[in-house]
Amino acid sequence: MDQRRSDMREIAGLCGECARALIRPTRKGTTYLRCGLAATDPRFPRYPRLPVIACNGFTPLLAENSP
């Protein structure tokens, strides 16, 4: 698991373990978590308020590697 994602798990809630979440670091050292679903579905906020405790688009990271 990516170290940044591992660091995000506690503060991000579901987004920290979602296969659709995109981690975007800045040059100044801040890291933002972006919802990948927001690009195609307006129901999802691009930068959700964290921690996310419920989400209809949640896909566990493990599902990303399943056959």
C-alpha atoms as a PDB file:
ATOM      1  CA  MET A   1       0.000   0.000   0.000  1.00  0.00           C
ATOM      2  CA  ASP A   2       1.187   3.508  -0.850  1.00  0.00           C
ATOM      3  CA  GLN A   3       2.574   5.305   2.228  1.00  0.00           C
ATOM      4  CA  ARG A   4       0.462   8.415   1.556  1.00  0.00           C
ATOM      5  CA  ARG A   5      -2.687   6.320   1.350  1.00  0.00           C
ATOM      6  CA  SER A   6      -1.723   4.533   4.545  1.00  0.00           C
ATOM      7  CA  ASP A   7      -1.320   7.910   6.279  1.00  0.00           C
ATOM      8  CA  MET A   8      -4.736   9.043   4.987  1.00  0.00           C
ATOM      9  CA  ARG A   9      -6.691   6.013   6.192  1.00  0.00           C
ATOM     10  CA  GLU A  10      -7.554   7.346   9.644  1.00  0.00           C
ATOM     11  CA  ILE A  11      -8.384  10.930   8.713  1.00  0.00           C
ATOM     12  CA  ALA A  12     -10.148  10.220   5.409  1.00  0.00           C
ATOM     13  CA  GLY A  13     -12.589   7.566   6.535  1.00  0.00           C
ATOM     14  CA  LEU A  14     -13.926   5.523   3.611  1.00  0.00           C
ATOM     15  CA  CYS A  15     -11.979   7.564   1.055  1.00  0.00           C
ATOM     16  CA  GLY A  16      -8.725   6.377   2.584  1.00  0.00           C
ATOM     17  CA  GLU A  17      -9.595   2.805   1.587  1.00  0.00           C
ATOM     18  CA  CYS A  18     -11.450   3.479  -1.665  1.00  0.00           C
ATOM     19  CA  ALA A  19     -10.022   2.338  -4.996  1.00  0.00           C
ATOM     20  CA  ARG A  20     -11.522   5.413  -6.688  1.00  0.00           C
ATOM     21  CA  ALA A  21      -9.819   7.955  -4.413  1.00  0.00           C
ATOM     22  CA  LEU A  22      -6.961   9.924  -5.959  1.00  0.00           C
ATOM     23  CA  ILE A  23      -4.253  11.364  -3.732  1.00  0.00           C
ATOM     24  CA  ARG A  24      -2.950  14.712  -4.956  1.00  0.00           C
ATOM     25  CA  PRO A  25       0.106  16.152  -3.178  1.00  0.00           C
ATOM     26  CA  THR A  26       1.119  19.781  -3.728  1.00  0.00           C
ATOM     27  CA  ARG A  27       4.589  21.287  -3.980  1.00  0.00           C
ATOM     28  CA  LYS A  28       4.041  22.956  -0.606  1.00  0.00           C
ATOM     29  CA  GLY A  29       3.580  19.617   1.145  1.00  0.00           C
ATOM     30  CA  THR A  30      -0.214  19.573   1.478  1.00  0.00           C
ATOM     31  CA  THR A  31      -2.009  16.441   0.314  1.00  0.00           C
ATOM     32  CA  TYR A  32      -5.556  16.463  -1.040  1.00  0.00           C
ATOM     33  CA  LEU A  33      -7.794  13.491  -1.583  1.00  0.00           C
ATOM     34  CA  ARG A  34      -9.889  13.731  -4.760  1.00  0.00           C
ATOM     35  CA  CYS A  35     -12.877  11.575  -5.667  1.00  0.00           C
ATOM     36  CA  GLY A  36     -12.324   9.878  -9.017  1.00  0.00           C
ATOM     37  CA  LEU A  37     -16.077   9.461  -9.489  1.00  0.00           C
ATOM     38  CA  ALA A  38     -16.591  13.230  -9.524  1.00  0.00           C
ATOM     39  CA  ALA A  39     -15.183  13.432 -13.061  1.00  0.00           C
ATOM     40  CA  THR A  40     -18.102  11.446 -14.476  1.00  0.00           C
ATOM     41  CA  ASP A  41     -20.872  11.685 -11.874  1.00  0.00           C
ATOM     42  CA  PRO A  42     -22.039  15.056 -10.486  1.00  0.00           C
ATOM     43  CA  ARG A  43     -23.486  13.384  -7.371  1.00  0.00           C
ATOM     44  CA  PHE A  44     -19.986  13.029  -5.966  1.00  0.00           C
ATOM     45  CA  PRO A  45     -18.000  16.044  -4.705  1.00  0.00           C
ATOM     46  CA  ARG A  46     -14.554  16.453  -6.245  1.00  0.00           C
ATOM     47  CA  TYR A  47     -12.954  17.078  -2.844  1.00  0.00           C
ATOM     48  CA  PRO A  48     -15.238  15.536  -0.193  1.00  0.00           C
ATOM     49  CA  ARG A  49     -15.314  16.764   3.368  1.00  0.00           C
ATOM     50  CA  LEU A  50     -13.348  14.293   5.442  1.00  0.00           C
ATOM     51  CA  PRO A  51     -13.812  11.904   7.135  1.00  0.00           C
ATOM     52  CA  VAL A  52     -16.328  10.284   4.798  1.00  0.00           C
ATOM     53  CA  ILE A  53     -18.437   7.804   6.767  1.00  0.00           C
ATOM     54  CA  ALA A  54     -20.922   6.816   4.036  1.00  0.00           C
ATOM     55  CA  CYS A  55     -20.624   6.795   0.234  1.00  0.00           C
ATOM     56  CA  ASN A  56     -22.642   5.021  -2.470  1.00  0.00           C
ATOM     57  CA  GLY A  57     -19.592   4.951  -4.733  1.00  0.00           C
ATOM     58  CA  PHE A  58     -17.225   3.317  -2.259  1.00  0.00           C
ATOM     59  CA  THR A  59     -15.148   0.519  -3.800  1.00  0.00           C
ATOM     60  CA  PRO A  60     -12.721  -1.222  -1.435  1.00  0.00           C
ATOM     61  CA  LEU A  61      -9.071  -1.196  -2.499  1.00  0.00           C
ATOM     62  CA  LEU A  62      -8.994  -4.997  -2.548  1.00  0.00           C
ATOM     63  CA  ALA A  63     -11.734  -5.082  -5.195  1.00  0.00           C
ATOM     64  CA  GLU A  64      -9.370  -3.219  -7.508  1.00  0.00           C
ATOM     65  CA  ASN A  65      -7.036  -6.252  -7.610  1.00  0.00           C
ATOM     66  CA  SER A  66      -9.697  -8.958  -7.826  1.00  0.00           C
ATOM     67  CA  PRO A  67     -10.269 -10.973 -11.035  1.00  0.00           C
END
